Amino acid sequence: MENQPFDPNQDIAQATQAFNDPNCTITVANIGPINNYHVPSPANMQDATEAISQLTFADIWRLPPFRISIGSVRLDVQGAIAGGGRNWQIQINGINSPSTISAIVVQGNLATASTEERQAYVQRMVRNALVQSLHTARSMDVTGPCR
């Protein structure tokens, strides 16, 4: 699957409506404040956006210690969760806790996306959730199903 273009300003509602497949319905929900939150600088925001743009569908399902490091930040999988999902965070490099500036949980019911189009949609929605978390200081839950 080719890496899809990424626009951090794309409206999540628009992205959700743009993909009308009853077998792949994705919801992004606010699940509360980010634990160990650190207010990001403009440089952190820029680096985080670049790291998010490099995350692929295959990467979403990797295990620790997988990470994408860009400048002042790292996007890394914190661990697997029940049901085959993953916990992702963006943290600022070189500082002690608190250092988290974005946090999402990706549910395992999205790993089953069976076509390139559905995988691209999952990738786009996971990226959008990371951006939304980055801009709101809220943790996000990304869930399907997507077959």
Protein backbone atom coordinates (compact mmCIF):
# COMPACT_ATOMS: atom_id res chain seq x y z
CA MET A 1 0.00 0.00 0.00
CA GLU A 2 1.35 3.40 -0.96
CA ASN A 3 1.79 5.99 1.76
CA GLN A 4 -1.21 8.33 1.53
CA PRO A 5 -0.77 12.13 1.45
CA PHE A 6 -1.33 13.74 4.83
CA ASP A 7 -3.01 17.05 5.53
CA PRO A 8 -2.98 17.87 9.26
CA ASN A 9 -5.67 20.48 8.69
CA GLN A 10 -8.15 18.01 7.20
CA ASP A 11 -11.38 18.07 9.16
CA ILE A 12 -12.03 14.71 10.84
CA ALA A 13 -15.75 14.86 10.16
CA GLN A 14 -15.01 15.42 6.47
CA ALA A 15 -12.59 12.47 6.46
CA THR A 16 -15.23 10.26 8.07
CA GLN A 17 -17.92 11.25 5.58
CA ALA A 18 -15.57 10.93 2.60
CA PHE A 19 -15.36 7.16 3.08
CA ASN A 20 -18.80 5.61 2.81
CA ASP A 21 -18.24 1.89 3.37
CA PRO A 22 -20.64 0.11 5.74
CA ASN A 23 -17.99 -2.56 6.39
CA CYS A 24 -15.47 0.02 7.60
CA THR A 25 -16.92 2.52 10.04
CA ILE A 26 -14.38 4.30 12.22
CA THR A 27 -15.12 6.39 15.27
CA VAL A 28 -12.67 8.71 17.02
CA ALA A 29 -13.74 9.49 20.58
CA ASN A 30 -12.27 11.74 23.26
CA ILE A 31 -11.47 9.55 26.29
CA GLY A 32 -10.13 12.22 28.62
CA PRO A 33 -7.05 14.31 29.35
CA ILE A 34 -3.62 13.06 28.30
CA ASN A 35 -1.70 11.53 31.21
CA ASN A 36 1.71 13.12 31.85
CA TYR A 37 0.84 15.98 29.46
CA HIS A 38 3.43 18.59 28.53
CA VAL A 39 2.45 21.74 26.61
CA PRO A 40 4.24 21.48 23.24
CA SER A 41 6.25 24.28 21.69
CA PRO A 42 5.66 25.33 18.06
CA ALA A 43 8.74 23.28 17.09
CA ASN A 44 7.35 20.24 18.93
CA MET A 45 4.05 20.66 17.07
CA GLN A 46 5.82 20.85 13.71
CA ASP A 47 8.01 17.81 14.45
CA ALA A 48 4.99 15.85 15.73
CA THR A 49 3.04 16.62 12.56
CA GLU A 50 5.95 15.36 10.47
CA ALA A 51 6.22 12.16 12.54
CA ILE A 52 2.48 11.56 12.19
CA SER A 53 2.77 11.96 8.41
CA GLN A 54 5.21 9.03 8.31
CA LEU A 55 2.97 6.54 10.14
CA THR A 56 1.71 3.79 7.80
CA PHE A 57 -1.04 1.20 8.18
CA ALA A 58 1.58 -1.53 8.74
CA ASP A 59 3.33 0.60 11.39
CA ILE A 60 0.11 0.98 13.40
CA TRP A 61 0.24 -2.72 14.33
CA ARG A 62 3.94 -2.92 15.27
CA LEU A 63 5.11 -3.70 18.79
CA PRO A 64 7.47 -1.77 21.07
CA PRO A 65 10.13 -0.53 20.77
CA PHE A 66 9.00 0.72 17.31
CA ARG A 67 9.20 4.50 17.01
CA ILE A 68 9.41 7.32 14.50
CA SER A 69 11.78 10.06 15.72
CA ILE A 70 11.69 13.51 14.13
CA GLY A 71 13.63 16.42 15.61
CA SER A 72 12.40 17.14 19.11
CA VAL A 73 9.80 14.34 19.37
CA ARG A 74 9.19 10.64 18.98
CA LEU A 75 6.00 8.82 17.99
CA ASP A 76 6.08 5.39 19.54
CA VAL A 77 3.91 2.41 20.24
CA GLN A 78 3.65 2.05 24.01
CA GLY A 79 2.22 -1.46 23.89
CA ALA A 80 -0.39 -3.89 22.71
CA ILE A 81 -3.81 -3.80 24.36
CA ALA A 82 -6.53 -6.42 24.74
CA GLY A 83 -8.11 -7.36 21.42
CA GLY A 84 -4.95 -6.72 19.38
CA GLY A 85 -5.00 -2.94 19.52
CA ARG A 86 -2.14 -0.54 20.21
CA ASN A 87 -1.43 2.41 22.48
CA TRP A 88 0.46 5.24 20.69
CA GLN A 89 2.02 8.38 22.13
CA ILE A 90 4.06 11.34 20.96
CA GLN A 91 6.61 12.43 23.52
CA ILE A 92 9.18 15.21 23.65
CA ASN A 93 12.77 13.94 23.52
CA GLY A 94 15.30 14.83 26.19
CA ILE A 95 12.96 15.79 29.05
CA ASN A 96 11.70 13.89 32.05
CA SER A 97 8.03 13.14 32.58
CA PRO A 98 5.67 14.78 31.89
CA SER A 99 6.60 14.64 28.20
CA THR A 100 3.50 13.36 26.35
CA ILE A 101 1.90 15.72 23.81
CA SER A 102 -0.44 13.29 21.98
CA ALA A 103 -1.97 9.94 22.95
CA ILE A 104 -4.33 7.53 21.21
CA VAL A 105 -5.61 3.99 21.57
CA VAL A 106 -6.19 2.11 18.30
CA GLN A 107 -8.58 -0.81 18.73
CA GLY A 108 -7.72 -4.19 17.20
CA ASN A 109 -10.96 -4.30 15.21
CA LEU A 110 -9.25 -2.00 12.69
CA ALA A 111 -6.36 -4.39 11.94
CA THR A 112 -8.72 -6.51 9.83
CA ALA A 113 -9.12 -3.88 7.09
CA SER A 114 -9.14 -6.13 4.02
CA THR A 115 -8.60 -3.77 1.07
CA GLU A 116 -6.06 -1.07 0.24
CA GLU A 117 -8.83 1.53 0.37
CA ARG A 118 -9.92 0.44 3.84
CA GLN A 119 -6.32 0.28 5.08
CA ALA A 120 -5.73 3.80 3.73
CA TYR A 121 -8.87 4.96 5.56
CA VAL A 122 -7.70 3.38 8.84
CA GLN A 123 -4.28 5.01 8.39
CA ARG A 124 -5.87 8.42 7.71
CA MET A 125 -8.19 8.21 10.72
CA VAL A 126 -5.37 7.11 13.06
CA ARG A 127 -3.25 10.03 11.84
CA ASN A 128 -6.21 12.39 12.28
CA ALA A 129 -6.74 11.13 15.84
CA LEU A 130 -3.09 11.83 16.67
CA VAL A 131 -3.43 15.36 15.29
CA GLN A 132 -6.68 15.92 17.16
CA SER A 133 -5.01 14.74 20.39
CA LEU A 134 -2.01 16.98 19.71
CA HIS A 135 -4.24 20.06 19.33
CA THR A 136 -6.65 19.35 22.20
CA ALA A 137 -4.50 17.74 24.94
CA ARG A 138 -7.05 14.91 25.03
CA SER A 139 -6.50 11.18 24.56
CA MET A 140 -8.42 9.65 21.66
CA ASP A 141 -9.83 6.18 21.08
CA VAL A 142 -9.99 4.97 17.47
CA THR A 143 -12.33 2.05 16.88
CA GLY A 144 -14.08 0.19 14.05
CA PRO A 145 -15.09 -2.28 12.88
CA CYS A 146 -13.29 -2.41 9.57
CA ARG A 147 -13.36 -5.71 7.71
